[in-house]
Amino acid sequence: MPNHLHLLIFVNENENINKLLANGKRFLAYEIVKRLELQKQHEILAQLQLAVTVKEKQRQKKHRVFEVSSDIKPCYTEKFLLQKLNHPPRRTSIHNNPIMPKWKLASTPEEYFHSSACFYILNNQHQFIRVTHWKDVGKHITHRLPLRRKTMLDNKEPSFHLNNFERYNTCILEIFLTIPPYTANFEKK
């Protein structure tokens, strides 16, 4: 999306979602600034510089690419996770976001280049980013469960319930960029 992105991530029990998010945003911001500099996008870089607070400037921060806060929605059930991805189809889902009247970035969810919808709907892997089906991640998680959940291990399809989602911090993230939509030359596909 022009001003934000959604991620479905699985975090192991010994990892911290906030630390993972902070590190991910930091390194992604470095890459975005580097590419903007290479493309000589001085106007956008100036906007990102204006967003830096006085306290951040004292720490030598030059650009603010992402908003400070992010919307983290824990997924405690498989039903909630599927609802957020768009199964069954609903208006307010991650995959339908690009086709909403506000954005009009594609005619169908699977046509939007920066989405996993093509992977989930048409079973086509993204050409630049390796997408892992959430059920495949679930198989890995299921095998790591304690022995008392042995009945779940016998299932061919991964079985999810409240305890699995709580233990592994399955979350939907919504991260907002500092720059307003369409400040940069975003290509509508």
N, C-alpha and C. Protein backbone atom coordinates (compact mmCIF):
# COMPACT_ATOMS: atom_id res chain seq x y z
N MET A 1 0.85 -1.17 0.00
CA MET A 1 0.00 0.00 0.00
C MET A 1 0.90 1.24 0.00
N PRO A 2 0.43 2.32 -0.53
CA PRO A 2 1.28 3.52 -0.62
C PRO A 2 1.75 4.08 0.71
N ASN A 3 0.95 3.93 1.78
CA ASN A 3 1.38 4.52 3.05
C ASN A 3 1.52 3.51 4.19
N HIS A 4 1.30 2.23 3.93
CA HIS A 4 1.45 1.25 4.99
C HIS A 4 1.62 -0.15 4.40
N LEU A 5 2.00 -1.08 5.26
CA LEU A 5 2.11 -2.45 4.81
C LEU A 5 1.56 -3.37 5.89
N HIS A 6 1.12 -4.55 5.45
CA HIS A 6 0.62 -5.56 6.36
C HIS A 6 1.54 -6.76 6.31
N LEU A 7 1.78 -7.36 7.44
CA LEU A 7 2.60 -8.56 7.52
C LEU A 7 1.91 -9.57 8.42
N LEU A 8 1.94 -10.80 8.02
CA LEU A 8 1.51 -11.89 8.89
C LEU A 8 2.79 -12.58 9.31
N ILE A 9 3.11 -12.54 10.59
CA ILE A 9 4.36 -13.13 11.03
C ILE A 9 4.13 -14.11 12.18
N PHE A 10 5.01 -15.06 12.28
CA PHE A 10 5.02 -16.02 13.37
C PHE A 10 6.32 -15.81 14.13
N VAL A 11 6.20 -15.62 15.42
CA VAL A 11 7.37 -15.36 16.24
C VAL A 11 7.49 -16.49 17.26
N ASN A 12 8.67 -17.10 17.34
CA ASN A 12 8.90 -18.15 18.32
C ASN A 12 8.75 -17.62 19.73
N GLU A 13 8.50 -18.51 20.66
CA GLU A 13 8.23 -18.11 22.04
C GLU A 13 9.40 -17.40 22.70
N ASN A 14 10.62 -17.65 22.26
CA ASN A 14 11.79 -17.01 22.87
C ASN A 14 12.15 -15.69 22.20
N GLU A 15 11.35 -15.25 21.24
CA GLU A 15 11.60 -13.98 20.56
C GLU A 15 10.56 -12.95 20.99
N ASN A 16 10.91 -11.69 20.85
CA ASN A 16 10.04 -10.60 21.25
C ASN A 16 9.54 -9.89 19.99
N ILE A 17 8.22 -9.82 19.83
CA ILE A 17 7.63 -9.23 18.62
C ILE A 17 8.02 -7.77 18.47
N ASN A 18 8.07 -7.02 19.57
CA ASN A 18 8.41 -5.60 19.50
C ASN A 18 9.86 -5.38 19.07
N LYS A 19 10.77 -6.21 19.58
CA LYS A 19 12.17 -6.10 19.19
C LYS A 19 12.34 -6.49 17.73
N LEU A 20 11.67 -7.55 17.32
CA LEU A 20 11.72 -7.99 15.93
C LEU A 20 11.20 -6.89 15.00
N LEU A 21 10.08 -6.29 15.37
CA LEU A 21 9.49 -5.22 14.57
C LEU A 21 10.40 -3.99 14.51
N ALA A 22 10.97 -3.61 15.65
CA ALA A 22 11.86 -2.44 15.68
C ALA A 22 13.07 -2.66 14.79
N ASN A 23 13.69 -3.83 14.88
CA ASN A 23 14.86 -4.12 14.04
C ASN A 23 14.48 -4.17 12.57
N GLY A 24 13.35 -4.79 12.26
CA GLY A 24 12.89 -4.88 10.87
C GLY A 24 12.63 -3.49 10.29
N LYS A 25 11.94 -2.64 11.04
CA LYS A 25 11.66 -1.29 10.57
C LYS A 25 12.94 -0.49 10.38
N ARG A 26 13.88 -0.65 11.30
CA ARG A 26 15.14 0.09 11.22
C ARG A 26 15.92 -0.27 9.95
N PHE A 27 16.11 -1.56 9.71
CA PHE A 27 16.89 -1.97 8.53
C PHE A 27 16.15 -1.70 7.23
N LEU A 28 14.83 -1.82 7.24
CA LEU A 28 14.05 -1.48 6.07
C LEU A 28 14.13 0.02 5.79
N ALA A 29 14.11 0.82 6.84
CA ALA A 29 14.23 2.28 6.68
C ALA A 29 15.58 2.65 6.06
N TYR A 30 16.66 2.01 6.51
CA TYR A 30 17.97 2.27 5.91
C TYR A 30 17.95 1.99 4.42
N GLU A 31 17.35 0.90 4.03
CA GLU A 31 17.30 0.53 2.61
C GLU A 31 16.44 1.50 1.82
N ILE A 32 15.31 1.92 2.37
CA ILE A 32 14.43 2.87 1.68
C ILE A 32 15.16 4.20 1.47
N VAL A 33 15.82 4.70 2.51
CA VAL A 33 16.56 5.98 2.40
C VAL A 33 17.66 5.85 1.36
N LYS A 34 18.39 4.74 1.40
CA LYS A 34 19.47 4.52 0.43
C LYS A 34 18.94 4.56 -1.00
N ARG A 35 17.81 3.90 -1.24
CA ARG A 35 17.24 3.89 -2.59
C ARG A 35 16.71 5.26 -2.99
N LEU A 36 16.12 5.98 -2.04
CA LEU A 36 15.65 7.34 -2.35
C LEU A 36 16.82 8.25 -2.69
N GLU A 37 17.94 8.09 -2.00
CA GLU A 37 19.13 8.88 -2.30
C GLU A 37 19.67 8.54 -3.69
N LEU A 38 19.72 7.26 -4.02
CA LEU A 38 20.19 6.85 -5.35
C LEU A 38 19.30 7.39 -6.46
N GLN A 39 17.99 7.48 -6.18
CA GLN A 39 17.04 7.98 -7.17
C GLN A 39 16.91 9.50 -7.12
N LYS A 40 17.68 10.12 -6.25
CA LYS A 40 17.67 11.59 -6.09
C LYS A 40 16.27 12.12 -5.78
N GLN A 41 15.59 11.46 -4.90
CA GLN A 41 14.24 11.84 -4.47
C GLN A 41 14.36 12.82 -3.29
N HIS A 42 14.92 14.00 -3.56
CA HIS A 42 15.23 14.98 -2.52
C HIS A 42 13.99 15.48 -1.79
N GLU A 43 12.89 15.62 -2.50
CA GLU A 43 11.65 16.12 -1.87
C GLU A 43 11.15 15.13 -0.81
N ILE A 44 11.16 13.86 -1.15
CA ILE A 44 10.71 12.84 -0.19
C ILE A 44 11.68 12.76 0.98
N LEU A 45 12.97 12.79 0.70
CA LEU A 45 13.97 12.75 1.77
C LEU A 45 13.81 13.95 2.71
N ALA A 46 13.49 15.10 2.16
CA ALA A 46 13.27 16.29 2.99
C ALA A 46 12.06 16.08 3.91
N GLN A 47 11.00 15.47 3.40
CA GLN A 47 9.82 15.18 4.24
C GLN A 47 10.19 14.22 5.37
N LEU A 48 10.99 13.23 5.05
CA LEU A 48 11.41 12.26 6.06
C LEU A 48 12.31 12.91 7.11
N GLN A 49 13.09 13.92 6.70
CA GLN A 49 13.93 14.64 7.66
C GLN A 49 13.08 15.51 8.59
N LEU A 50 12.04 16.12 8.04
CA LEU A 50 11.15 16.96 8.85
C LEU A 50 10.41 16.18 9.93
N ALA A 51 10.23 14.90 9.71
CA ALA A 51 9.50 14.07 10.67
C ALA A 51 10.34 13.66 11.87
N VAL A 52 11.64 13.89 11.82
CA VAL A 52 12.54 13.51 12.92
C VAL A 52 12.36 14.49 14.08
N THR A 53 12.19 13.95 15.28
CA THR A 53 12.02 14.79 16.47
C THR A 53 13.37 15.34 16.94
N VAL A 54 13.32 16.33 17.81
CA VAL A 54 14.53 16.94 18.37
C VAL A 54 15.35 15.88 19.11
N LYS A 55 14.67 15.06 19.89
CA LYS A 55 15.35 14.01 20.66
C LYS A 55 16.04 13.01 19.71
N GLU A 56 15.37 12.67 18.61
CA GLU A 56 15.96 11.75 17.64
C GLU A 56 17.16 12.38 16.94
N LYS A 57 17.09 13.67 16.68
CA LYS A 57 18.22 14.37 16.06
C LYS A 57 19.44 14.34 16.96
N GLN A 58 19.21 14.45 18.27
CA GLN A 58 20.32 14.37 19.23
C GLN A 58 21.01 13.01 19.17
N ARG A 59 20.26 11.98 18.78
CA ARG A 59 20.82 10.62 18.64
C ARG A 59 21.33 10.39 17.21
N GLN A 60 21.47 11.47 16.44
CA GLN A 60 22.00 11.43 15.07
C GLN A 60 21.05 10.80 14.06
N LYS A 61 19.77 10.70 14.37
CA LYS A 61 18.81 10.17 13.41
C LYS A 61 18.54 11.23 12.35
N LYS A 62 18.55 10.85 11.10
CA LYS A 62 18.39 11.80 10.00
C LYS A 62 17.02 11.74 9.32
N HIS A 63 16.39 10.57 9.33
CA HIS A 63 15.11 10.40 8.63
C HIS A 63 14.15 9.56 9.47
N ARG A 64 12.88 9.87 9.39
CA ARG A 64 11.86 9.01 10.00
C ARG A 64 11.03 8.44 8.85
N VAL A 65 11.23 7.16 8.56
CA VAL A 65 10.53 6.51 7.46
C VAL A 65 9.19 5.96 7.93
N PHE A 66 9.15 5.40 9.14
CA PHE A 66 7.94 4.78 9.66
C PHE A 66 7.39 5.55 10.84
N GLU A 67 6.09 5.50 11.01
CA GLU A 67 5.47 6.05 12.20
C GLU A 67 6.01 5.29 13.41
N VAL A 68 5.99 5.93 14.57
CA VAL A 68 6.53 5.30 15.78
C VAL A 68 5.75 4.04 16.14
N SER A 69 4.45 4.14 16.16
CA SER A 69 3.65 2.99 16.58
C SER A 69 3.23 2.14 15.38
N SER A 70 2.89 0.92 15.69
CA SER A 70 2.37 0.00 14.69
C SER A 70 1.17 -0.71 15.29
N ASP A 71 0.28 -1.13 14.45
CA ASP A 71 -0.90 -1.84 14.91
C ASP A 71 -0.59 -3.34 14.88
N ILE A 72 -0.54 -3.95 16.05
CA ILE A 72 -0.25 -5.38 16.15
C ILE A 72 -1.51 -6.07 16.63
N LYS A 73 -2.01 -6.99 15.82
CA LYS A 73 -3.20 -7.75 16.19
C LYS A 73 -2.82 -9.21 16.40
N PRO A 74 -2.82 -9.68 17.64
CA PRO A 74 -2.51 -11.09 17.88
C PRO A 74 -3.60 -11.97 17.28
N CYS A 75 -3.21 -13.06 16.69
CA CYS A 75 -4.15 -14.01 16.11
C CYS A 75 -4.28 -15.20 17.04
N TYR A 76 -5.33 -15.22 17.82
CA TYR A 76 -5.51 -16.30 18.79
C TYR A 76 -6.25 -17.49 18.20
N THR A 77 -6.88 -17.29 17.05
CA THR A 77 -7.61 -18.40 16.45
C THR A 77 -7.34 -18.46 14.95
N GLU A 78 -7.51 -19.62 14.39
CA GLU A 78 -7.38 -19.80 12.95
C GLU A 78 -8.44 -18.98 12.22
N LYS A 79 -9.63 -18.92 12.79
CA LYS A 79 -10.73 -18.17 12.17
C LYS A 79 -10.35 -16.69 12.01
N PHE A 80 -9.76 -16.11 13.03
CA PHE A 80 -9.35 -14.71 12.97
C PHE A 80 -8.28 -14.50 11.91
N LEU A 81 -7.29 -15.40 11.87
CA LEU A 81 -6.22 -15.30 10.89
C LEU A 81 -6.79 -15.34 9.48
N LEU A 82 -7.67 -16.30 9.22
CA LEU A 82 -8.27 -16.42 7.88
C LEU A 82 -9.12 -15.21 7.53
N GLN A 83 -9.82 -14.70 8.51
CA GLN A 83 -10.64 -13.50 8.29
C GLN A 83 -9.77 -12.33 7.86
N LYS A 84 -8.60 -12.17 8.49
CA LYS A 84 -7.71 -11.07 8.14
C LYS A 84 -7.09 -11.25 6.76
N LEU A 85 -6.82 -12.49 6.38
CA LEU A 85 -6.27 -12.75 5.05
C LEU A 85 -7.32 -12.62 3.95
N ASN A 86 -8.57 -12.89 4.27
CA ASN A 86 -9.70 -12.79 3.31
C ASN A 86 -10.31 -14.15 2.99
N HIS A 87 -10.39 -15.01 3.95
CA HIS A 87 -11.05 -16.30 3.75
C HIS A 87 -12.07 -16.48 4.86
N PRO A 88 -13.37 -16.40 4.61
CA PRO A 88 -14.00 -16.15 3.31
C PRO A 88 -13.84 -14.69 2.90
N PRO A 89 -14.06 -14.40 1.61
CA PRO A 89 -13.89 -13.02 1.13
C PRO A 89 -14.71 -12.01 1.93
N ARG A 90 -14.06 -10.93 2.31
CA ARG A 90 -14.72 -9.84 3.02
C ARG A 90 -14.08 -8.53 2.61
N ARG A 91 -14.81 -7.49 2.81
CA ARG A 91 -14.34 -6.17 2.38
C ARG A 91 -13.07 -5.72 3.10
N THR A 92 -13.06 -5.88 4.41
CA THR A 92 -11.95 -5.35 5.19
C THR A 92 -10.94 -6.44 5.50
N SER A 93 -10.16 -6.79 4.52
CA SER A 93 -9.12 -7.79 4.72
C SER A 93 -7.82 -7.28 4.11
N ILE A 94 -6.74 -7.94 4.44
CA ILE A 94 -5.44 -7.54 3.91
C ILE A 94 -5.44 -7.64 2.39
N HIS A 95 -5.96 -8.73 1.86
CA HIS A 95 -5.91 -8.93 0.40
C HIS A 95 -6.85 -7.98 -0.35
N ASN A 96 -7.91 -7.53 0.27
CA ASN A 96 -8.83 -6.61 -0.41
C ASN A 96 -8.44 -5.14 -0.27
N ASN A 97 -7.50 -4.83 0.58
CA ASN A 97 -7.09 -3.44 0.80
C ASN A 97 -6.74 -2.71 -0.51
N PRO A 98 -5.94 -3.31 -1.40
CA PRO A 98 -5.55 -2.59 -2.64
C PRO A 98 -6.70 -2.32 -3.61
N ILE A 99 -7.80 -3.05 -3.50
CA ILE A 99 -8.90 -2.84 -4.45
C ILE A 99 -10.00 -1.95 -3.87
N MET A 100 -9.80 -1.46 -2.66
CA MET A 100 -10.80 -0.59 -2.03
C MET A 100 -10.86 0.74 -2.78
N PRO A 101 -12.03 1.38 -2.81
CA PRO A 101 -12.17 2.66 -3.51
C PRO A 101 -11.14 3.72 -3.10
N LYS A 102 -10.72 3.70 -1.85
CA LYS A 102 -9.73 4.68 -1.37
C LYS A 102 -8.42 4.57 -2.15
N TRP A 103 -8.03 3.34 -2.54
CA TRP A 103 -6.74 3.12 -3.19
C TRP A 103 -6.84 2.83 -4.68
N LYS A 104 -7.74 1.94 -5.05
CA LYS A 104 -7.91 1.54 -6.46
C LYS A 104 -6.57 1.20 -7.13
N LEU A 105 -5.80 0.35 -6.48
CA LEU A 105 -4.48 -0.04 -7.00
C LEU A 105 -4.54 -1.26 -7.91
N ALA A 106 -5.67 -1.96 -7.91
CA ALA A 106 -5.84 -3.14 -8.75
C ALA A 106 -7.33 -3.44 -8.87
N SER A 107 -7.68 -4.25 -9.86
CA SER A 107 -9.08 -4.65 -10.05
C SER A 107 -9.45 -5.82 -9.16
N THR A 108 -8.49 -6.72 -8.95
CA THR A 108 -8.71 -7.88 -8.09
C THR A 108 -7.52 -8.00 -7.13
N PRO A 109 -7.70 -8.64 -5.98
CA PRO A 109 -6.60 -8.76 -5.02
C PRO A 109 -5.35 -9.40 -5.62
N GLU A 110 -5.53 -10.43 -6.46
CA GLU A 110 -4.37 -11.13 -7.00
C GLU A 110 -3.62 -10.33 -8.06
N GLU A 111 -4.20 -9.25 -8.56
CA GLU A 111 -3.51 -8.40 -9.54
C GLU A 111 -2.53 -7.42 -8.88
N TYR A 112 -2.68 -7.19 -7.59
CA TYR A 112 -1.80 -6.23 -6.91
C TYR A 112 -0.44 -6.87 -6.69
N PHE A 113 0.58 -6.29 -7.29
CA PHE A 113 1.92 -6.87 -7.31
C PHE A 113 2.52 -7.10 -5.92
N HIS A 114 2.26 -6.20 -4.98
CA HIS A 114 2.89 -6.25 -3.67
C HIS A 114 2.07 -7.04 -2.65
N SER A 115 1.29 -7.99 -3.11
CA SER A 115 0.41 -8.75 -2.23
C SER A 115 0.69 -10.24 -2.30
N SER A 116 0.34 -10.93 -1.24
CA SER A 116 0.43 -12.39 -1.25
C SER A 116 -0.84 -13.02 -1.79
N ALA A 117 -1.81 -12.21 -2.20
CA ALA A 117 -3.09 -12.73 -2.70
C ALA A 117 -2.89 -13.67 -3.89
N CYS A 118 -2.00 -13.34 -4.79
CA CYS A 118 -1.73 -14.18 -5.96
C CYS A 118 -1.25 -15.56 -5.51
N PHE A 119 -0.46 -15.59 -4.46
CA PHE A 119 0.03 -16.86 -3.92
C PHE A 119 -1.12 -17.67 -3.34
N TYR A 120 -1.97 -17.03 -2.54
CA TYR A 120 -3.05 -17.74 -1.88
C TYR A 120 -4.20 -18.08 -2.83
N ILE A 121 -4.49 -17.22 -3.79
CA ILE A 121 -5.63 -17.44 -4.68
C ILE A 121 -5.25 -18.29 -5.89
N LEU A 122 -4.12 -17.97 -6.53
CA LEU A 122 -3.74 -18.67 -7.75
C LEU A 122 -2.58 -19.66 -7.57
N ASN A 123 -2.05 -19.73 -6.37
CA ASN A 123 -0.93 -20.62 -6.06
C ASN A 123 0.33 -20.26 -6.85
N ASN A 124 0.51 -18.96 -7.12
CA ASN A 124 1.70 -18.48 -7.83
C ASN A 124 2.65 -17.83 -6.84
N GLN A 125 3.89 -18.27 -6.80
CA GLN A 125 4.90 -17.69 -5.92
C GLN A 125 5.27 -16.30 -6.43
N HIS A 126 5.50 -15.36 -5.54
CA HIS A 126 5.91 -14.00 -5.90
C HIS A 126 7.29 -14.06 -6.54
N GLN A 127 7.55 -13.22 -7.54
CA GLN A 127 8.81 -13.31 -8.26
C GLN A 127 10.01 -12.79 -7.46
N PHE A 128 9.80 -11.96 -6.44
CA PHE A 128 10.91 -11.41 -5.67
C PHE A 128 10.95 -11.85 -4.21
N ILE A 129 9.81 -12.16 -3.65
CA ILE A 129 9.73 -12.47 -2.23
C ILE A 129 9.18 -13.89 -2.06
N ARG A 130 9.87 -14.68 -1.26
CA ARG A 130 9.40 -16.04 -1.01
C ARG A 130 8.27 -15.98 0.01
N VAL A 131 7.09 -16.40 -0.40
CA VAL A 131 5.93 -16.42 0.47
C VAL A 131 5.76 -17.84 1.00
N THR A 132 5.60 -17.97 2.29
CA THR A 132 5.35 -19.27 2.91
C THR A 132 3.90 -19.31 3.33
N HIS A 133 3.20 -20.35 2.94
CA HIS A 133 1.79 -20.49 3.33
C HIS A 133 1.71 -20.62 4.84
N TRP A 134 0.74 -19.97 5.43
CA TRP A 134 0.64 -19.99 6.88
C TRP A 134 0.48 -21.42 7.40
N LYS A 135 -0.13 -22.31 6.63
CA LYS A 135 -0.27 -23.71 7.08
C LYS A 135 1.08 -24.42 7.10
N ASP A 136 1.98 -24.05 6.21
CA ASP A 136 3.30 -24.65 6.21
C ASP A 136 4.11 -24.20 7.42
N VAL A 137 3.96 -22.95 7.79
CA VAL A 137 4.60 -22.47 9.01
C VAL A 137 3.98 -23.21 10.19
N GLY A 138 2.69 -23.42 10.13
CA GLY A 138 1.99 -24.14 11.19
C GLY A 138 2.49 -25.56 11.36
N LYS A 139 2.88 -26.23 10.29
CA LYS A 139 3.40 -27.59 10.40
C LYS A 139 4.67 -27.58 11.22
N HIS A 140 5.50 -26.59 10.97
CA HIS A 140 6.74 -26.46 11.74
C HIS A 140 6.41 -26.23 13.22
N ILE A 141 5.45 -25.37 13.47
CA ILE A 141 5.07 -25.06 14.85
C ILE A 141 4.49 -26.30 15.51
N THR A 142 3.61 -27.02 14.82
CA THR A 142 2.97 -28.19 15.40
C THR A 142 4.00 -29.22 15.86
N HIS A 143 5.07 -29.39 15.10
CA HIS A 143 6.09 -30.37 15.48
C HIS A 143 6.86 -29.96 16.72
N ARG A 144 6.81 -28.73 17.08
CA ARG A 144 7.55 -28.25 18.25
C ARG A 144 6.70 -28.25 19.51
N LEU A 145 5.45 -28.68 19.40
CA LEU A 145 4.57 -28.66 20.56
C LEU A 145 4.97 -29.73 21.57
N PRO A 146 4.66 -29.54 22.84
CA PRO A 146 4.98 -30.55 23.85
C PRO A 146 4.25 -31.87 23.57
N LEU A 147 4.76 -32.95 24.13
CA LEU A 147 4.19 -34.28 23.89
C LEU A 147 2.73 -34.39 24.31
N ARG A 148 2.30 -33.64 25.32
CA ARG A 148 0.91 -33.77 25.76
C ARG A 148 -0.08 -33.41 24.65
N ARG A 149 0.38 -32.80 23.57
CA ARG A 149 -0.49 -32.47 22.45
C ARG A 149 -0.30 -33.50 21.32
N LYS A 150 0.06 -34.71 21.69
CA LYS A 150 0.36 -35.74 20.70
C LYS A 150 -0.76 -35.96 19.69
N THR A 151 -1.99 -35.83 20.09
CA THR A 151 -3.10 -36.05 19.17
C THR A 151 -3.06 -35.06 18.02
N MET A 152 -2.56 -33.85 18.25
CA MET A 152 -2.45 -32.87 17.18
C MET A 152 -1.36 -33.27 16.19
N LEU A 153 -0.32 -33.92 16.67
CA LEU A 153 0.78 -34.30 15.79
C LEU A 153 0.37 -35.38 14.80
N ASP A 154 -0.65 -36.14 15.13
CA ASP A 154 -1.10 -37.21 14.26
C ASP A 154 -1.90 -36.70 13.07
N ASN A 155 -2.39 -35.48 13.14
CA ASN A 155 -3.18 -34.92 12.04
C ASN A 155 -2.30 -34.64 10.84
N LYS A 156 -2.87 -34.84 9.65
CA LYS A 156 -2.10 -34.53 8.43
C LYS A 156 -2.03 -33.02 8.22
N GLU A 157 -3.13 -32.33 8.40
CA GLU A 157 -3.13 -30.87 8.30
C GLU A 157 -2.80 -30.30 9.67
N PRO A 158 -2.10 -29.18 9.73
CA PRO A 158 -1.80 -28.60 11.03
C PRO A 158 -3.09 -28.21 11.73
N SER A 159 -3.13 -28.43 13.00
CA SER A 159 -4.31 -28.12 13.79
C SER A 159 -3.96 -26.95 14.71
N PHE A 160 -4.77 -25.92 14.66
CA PHE A 160 -4.50 -24.74 15.47
C PHE A 160 -5.63 -24.51 16.46
N HIS A 161 -5.28 -24.08 17.62
CA HIS A 161 -6.27 -23.63 18.58
C HIS A 161 -5.62 -22.55 19.43
N LEU A 162 -6.35 -22.05 20.37
CA LEU A 162 -5.92 -20.90 21.16
C LEU A 162 -4.50 -21.03 21.68
N ASN A 163 -4.14 -22.17 22.26
CA ASN A 163 -2.81 -22.30 22.87
C ASN A 163 -1.69 -22.17 21.86
N ASN A 164 -1.87 -22.69 20.65
CA ASN A 164 -0.82 -22.56 19.64
C ASN A 164 -0.58 -21.10 19.31
N PHE A 165 -1.63 -20.35 19.10
CA PHE A 165 -1.48 -18.96 18.70
C PHE A 165 -0.89 -18.12 19.83
N GLU A 166 -1.30 -18.37 21.06
CA GLU A 166 -0.74 -17.62 22.18
C GLU A 166 0.75 -17.91 22.32
N ARG A 167 1.11 -19.17 22.25
CA ARG A 167 2.48 -19.57 22.49
C ARG A 167 3.43 -19.01 21.45
N TYR A 168 3.00 -18.94 20.22
CA TYR A 168 3.91 -18.54 19.15
C TYR A 168 3.68 -17.12 18.66
N ASN A 169 2.91 -16.33 19.37
CA ASN A 169 2.77 -14.92 19.03
C ASN A 169 2.50 -14.69 17.56
N THR A 170 1.49 -15.34 17.03
CA THR A 170 1.10 -15.11 15.65
C THR A 170 0.41 -13.76 15.59
N CYS A 171 0.89 -12.89 14.71
CA CYS A 171 0.36 -11.53 14.68
C CYS A 171 0.20 -11.03 13.26
N ILE A 172 -0.78 -10.16 13.09
CA ILE A 172 -0.92 -9.36 11.89
C ILE A 172 -0.37 -7.98 12.25
N LEU A 173 0.54 -7.48 11.46
CA LEU A 173 1.12 -6.17 11.71
C LEU A 173 0.66 -5.18 10.65
N GLU A 174 0.38 -3.98 11.06
CA GLU A 174 0.11 -2.89 10.13
C GLU A 174 1.11 -1.79 10.47
N ILE A 175 1.99 -1.48 9.53
CA ILE A 175 3.06 -0.51 9.76
C ILE A 175 2.85 0.67 8.82
N PHE A 176 2.81 1.86 9.38
CA PHE A 176 2.56 3.05 8.58
C PHE A 176 3.86 3.79 8.28
N LEU A 177 3.96 4.27 7.04
CA LEU A 177 5.09 5.09 6.61
C LEU A 177 4.85 6.54 7.03
N THR A 178 5.92 7.28 7.15
CA THR A 178 5.82 8.70 7.52
C THR A 178 5.29 9.54 6.36
N ILE A 179 5.73 9.23 5.14
CA ILE A 179 5.33 10.07 4.00
C ILE A 179 3.87 9.84 3.65
N PRO A 180 3.16 10.88 3.24
CA PRO A 180 1.76 10.73 2.87
C PRO A 180 1.61 9.93 1.57
N PRO A 181 0.43 9.34 1.35
CA PRO A 181 0.24 8.55 0.13
C PRO A 181 0.47 9.38 -1.12
N TYR A 182 1.04 8.75 -2.10
CA TYR A 182 1.28 9.31 -3.43
C TYR A 182 2.23 10.50 -3.42
N THR A 183 3.01 10.67 -2.36
CA THR A 183 4.06 11.68 -2.40
C THR A 183 5.11 11.21 -3.38
N ALA A 184 5.43 9.94 -3.27
CA ALA A 184 6.36 9.34 -4.22
C ALA A 184 5.57 8.91 -5.45
N ASN A 185 6.27 8.58 -6.47
CA ASN A 185 5.62 8.18 -7.71
C ASN A 185 5.25 6.70 -7.64
N PHE A 186 4.20 6.36 -6.87
CA PHE A 186 3.78 4.97 -6.74
C PHE A 186 3.07 4.55 -8.00
N GLU A 187 3.44 3.40 -8.48
CA GLU A 187 2.85 2.90 -9.72
C GLU A 187 1.60 2.10 -9.40
N LYS A 188 0.49 2.45 -10.03
CA LYS A 188 -0.74 1.69 -9.89
C LYS A 188 -0.73 0.61 -10.95
N LYS A 189 -0.94 -0.62 -10.50
CA LYS A 189 -0.99 -1.74 -11.45
C LYS A 189 -2.39 -2.27 -11.55
